[in-house]
Protein backbone atom coordinates (compact mmCIF):
# COMPACT_ATOMS: atom_id res chain seq x y z
CA MET A 1 0.00 0.00 0.00
CA GLY A 2 1.10 3.53 -0.59
CA PRO A 3 1.60 6.15 2.10
CA HIS A 4 -1.95 7.42 1.63
CA TYR A 5 -3.36 4.22 3.10
CA THR A 6 -0.85 2.78 5.54
CA LEU A 7 -0.62 4.54 8.83
CA GLY A 8 3.06 4.30 9.68
CA VAL A 9 3.33 7.91 8.62
CA PRO A 10 3.23 11.26 10.41
CA ARG A 11 -0.12 12.29 11.87
CA GLU A 12 -0.62 15.13 9.39
CA ILE A 13 -0.50 12.64 6.53
CA ARG A 14 -2.65 10.07 8.36
CA HIS A 15 -5.32 12.74 8.73
CA ARG A 16 -5.52 13.06 4.94
CA CYS A 17 -5.70 9.27 4.55
CA ALA A 18 -9.13 9.01 6.11
CA VAL A 19 -10.94 12.19 5.14
CA PRO A 20 -14.65 12.09 6.02
CA ARG A 21 -17.07 13.79 3.66
CA TRP A 22 -20.81 14.23 3.35
CA SER A 23 -20.35 13.77 -0.41
CA HIS A 24 -19.32 10.63 -2.30
CA ARG A 25 -15.69 11.74 -2.52
CA ASP A 26 -13.26 8.98 -1.56
CA PRO A 27 -11.73 9.35 1.94
CA VAL A 28 -8.46 7.77 0.74
CA GLU A 29 -6.97 10.53 -1.36
CA GLY A 30 -4.64 9.80 -4.24
CA GLY A 31 -6.53 6.95 -5.88
CA ASN A 32 -5.95 3.25 -5.52
CA PRO A 33 -3.17 2.72 -2.96
CA PHE A 34 -2.02 -0.58 -4.47
CA ALA A 35 0.63 -0.88 -7.17
CA ASP A 36 0.02 -2.38 -10.58
CA GLY A 37 0.44 -6.12 -10.32
CA ASP A 38 -0.68 -6.27 -6.68
CA PRO A 39 -3.81 -8.47 -6.64
CA ARG A 40 -5.39 -6.14 -4.08
CA ARG A 41 -5.49 -3.38 -6.72
CA GLU A 42 -8.34 -5.06 -8.62
CA ILE A 43 -10.13 -5.94 -5.39
CA TRP A 44 -9.87 -2.29 -4.28
CA ASP A 45 -11.20 -1.02 -7.62
CA ALA A 46 -14.18 -3.41 -7.52
CA ALA A 47 -14.90 -2.52 -3.90
CA THR A 48 -14.69 1.19 -4.76
CA ARG A 49 -17.27 0.74 -7.51
CA GLU A 50 -19.53 -1.09 -5.05
CA ALA A 51 -19.01 1.65 -2.44
CA ARG A 52 -20.12 4.28 -4.94
CA ARG A 53 -23.24 2.23 -5.77
CA ALA A 54 -23.94 1.86 -2.03
CA LEU A 55 -23.64 5.64 -1.60
CA GLU A 56 -26.12 6.16 -4.44
CA ARG A 57 -28.55 3.75 -2.74
CA CYS A 58 -28.00 5.58 0.54
CA ASP A 59 -28.78 8.91 -1.11
CA ALA A 60 -31.93 7.48 -2.67
CA HIS A 61 -33.00 6.16 0.73
CA PHE A 62 -32.41 9.54 2.37
CA ALA A 63 -34.17 11.37 -0.46
CA ALA A 64 -37.21 9.17 0.13
CA THR A 65 -37.19 9.20 3.93
CA ALA A 66 -35.39 12.28 5.24
CA ARG A 67 -37.50 15.08 6.62
CA VAL A 68 -36.78 18.74 6.23
CA THR A 69 -37.14 19.82 9.80
CA LEU A 70 -36.21 22.34 12.41
CA ASP A 71 -36.74 19.73 15.10
CA PRO A 72 -33.24 19.26 16.53
CA VAL A 73 -33.92 15.68 17.64
CA VAL A 74 -35.01 14.56 14.18
CA TYR A 75 -32.22 16.51 12.45
CA ARG A 76 -29.62 15.04 14.83
CA ALA A 77 -30.83 11.50 14.18
CA GLN A 78 -30.72 12.03 10.41
CA LEU A 79 -27.24 13.53 10.61
CA ILE A 80 -25.88 10.64 12.68
CA ASP A 81 -27.46 8.09 10.32
CA LEU A 82 -25.89 9.77 7.31
CA ALA A 83 -22.45 9.94 8.95
CA LEU A 84 -22.65 6.26 9.90
CA ARG A 85 -23.71 5.17 6.43
CA ARG A 86 -20.85 7.14 4.84
CA PHE A 87 -18.39 5.75 7.39
CA ASP A 88 -19.57 2.17 7.02
CA THR A 89 -19.56 2.27 3.22
CA TRP A 90 -15.90 3.28 3.00
CA ALA A 91 -14.92 1.04 5.93
CA GLU A 92 -16.41 -1.91 4.03
CA ARG A 93 -14.27 -1.04 1.02
CA GLY A 94 -11.14 -1.01 3.20
CA LEU A 95 -12.09 -4.37 4.65
CA SER A 96 -12.14 -5.88 1.17
CA VAL A 97 -8.33 -6.04 1.05
CA VAL A 98 -7.77 -7.48 4.53
CA SER A 99 -6.54 -11.06 4.43
CA ASN A 100 -3.88 -11.36 7.14
CA GLU A 101 -2.93 -10.07 10.56
CA ASP A 102 -0.62 -7.29 9.31
CA GLN A 103 -3.31 -5.97 6.99
CA LEU A 104 -5.85 -6.17 9.80
CA ASP A 105 -3.56 -4.14 12.04
CA ASP A 106 -3.14 -1.47 9.30
CA TYR A 107 -6.90 -1.48 8.81
CA ARG A 108 -7.51 -1.08 12.56
CA ARG A 109 -5.20 1.94 12.66
CA TRP A 110 -6.95 3.42 9.64
CA LEU A 111 -10.36 2.88 11.27
CA ASP A 112 -9.12 4.57 14.46
CA VAL A 113 -8.09 7.64 12.48
CA TYR A 114 -11.29 7.57 10.41
CA VAL A 115 -13.50 7.46 13.53
CA GLY A 116 -11.63 10.41 15.04
CA ASN A 117 -11.78 12.34 11.79
CA TRP A 118 -15.54 11.79 11.51
CA LEU A 119 -16.07 13.08 15.04
CA ASP A 120 -14.02 16.19 14.24
CA TYR A 121 -15.71 16.64 10.86
CA VAL A 122 -19.23 16.52 12.27
CA ALA A 123 -18.26 18.96 15.04
CA ASP A 124 -16.69 21.31 12.46
CA THR A 125 -19.41 21.14 9.79
CA CYS A 126 -22.41 21.01 12.14
CA PRO A 127 -21.31 22.93 15.24
CA ARG A 128 -24.86 23.54 16.46
CA VAL A 129 -25.80 19.85 16.44
CA ASP A 130 -25.00 18.16 19.71
CA THR A 131 -24.34 14.53 18.92
CA GLY A 132 -23.28 13.85 22.49
CA ASP A 133 -21.64 10.46 22.86
CA GLU A 134 -24.05 8.78 20.47
CA LEU A 135 -22.00 9.42 17.32
CA ARG A 136 -18.80 8.24 19.00
CA ARG A 137 -20.52 5.15 20.37
CA ARG A 138 -22.09 4.23 17.04
CA LEU A 139 -18.92 4.86 15.03
CA ASN A 140 -16.95 2.72 17.45
CA GLY A 141 -19.62 0.02 17.16
CA ALA A 142 -19.30 0.08 13.37
CA ARG A 143 -15.51 -0.04 13.77
CA GLU A 144 -15.77 -3.12 16.01
CA ARG A 145 -18.11 -4.89 13.55
CA ARG A 146 -15.63 -4.27 10.73
CA LEU A 147 -12.71 -5.56 12.81
CA LYS A 148 -14.66 -8.69 13.68
CA ALA A 149 -15.33 -9.23 9.99
CA GLY A 150 -11.64 -8.61 9.27
CA ARG A 151 -10.58 -11.26 11.76
CA ALA A 152 -12.99 -13.69 10.11
CA ALA A 153 -11.69 -12.79 6.62
CA ALA A 154 -8.10 -13.37 7.68
CA ALA A 155 -9.05 -16.70 9.25
CA ARG A 156 -10.85 -17.79 6.05
CA ALA A 157 -7.76 -16.85 4.03
CA GLY A 158 -5.88 -19.58 5.90
CA GLN A 159 -4.04 -17.37 8.31
CA PRO A 160 -3.42 -18.50 11.88
CA ARG A 161 -6.13 -17.53 14.31
CA ILE A 162 -5.82 -13.81 15.02
CA ALA A 163 -6.09 -12.66 18.60
CA ALA A 164 -8.61 -9.93 19.17
CA VAL A 165 -7.25 -6.60 18.01
CA ARG A 166 -7.22 -4.19 20.91
CA SER A 167 -10.02 -1.68 20.77
């Protein structure tokens, strides 16, 4: 993986590796992080196409169900749901290339940064919406579900049993 995906880089670069957005723009800047010839490159491209389709379905769902409202409780719930769907869509794409313990560890570090960046992003872009601990709790829950799936993927790939990655 290139420096825009792996997290053994300075914090200022890591921050740009997991950029949250309300739009469909990819949080991993710089395109596919895998070199030509790396089998993960094709997996990443296919997963990126699926992520974009998932975002389109998400937008269609929100267009059909979201309410224009001044009710802060309803608006807050809609905002948190949108953030979680965006987070989970791109986290699923990242999971697609996890097949061993080292990759799982890189993925865990990326998820950690991505959760933190989403919390900062929501606070910066929606400063009058108090998400309390709910957004943090739900993002961390999504993170844990992805890590559990990553451990299972690595085990299916024939890797030795992976100990639980520390939360």
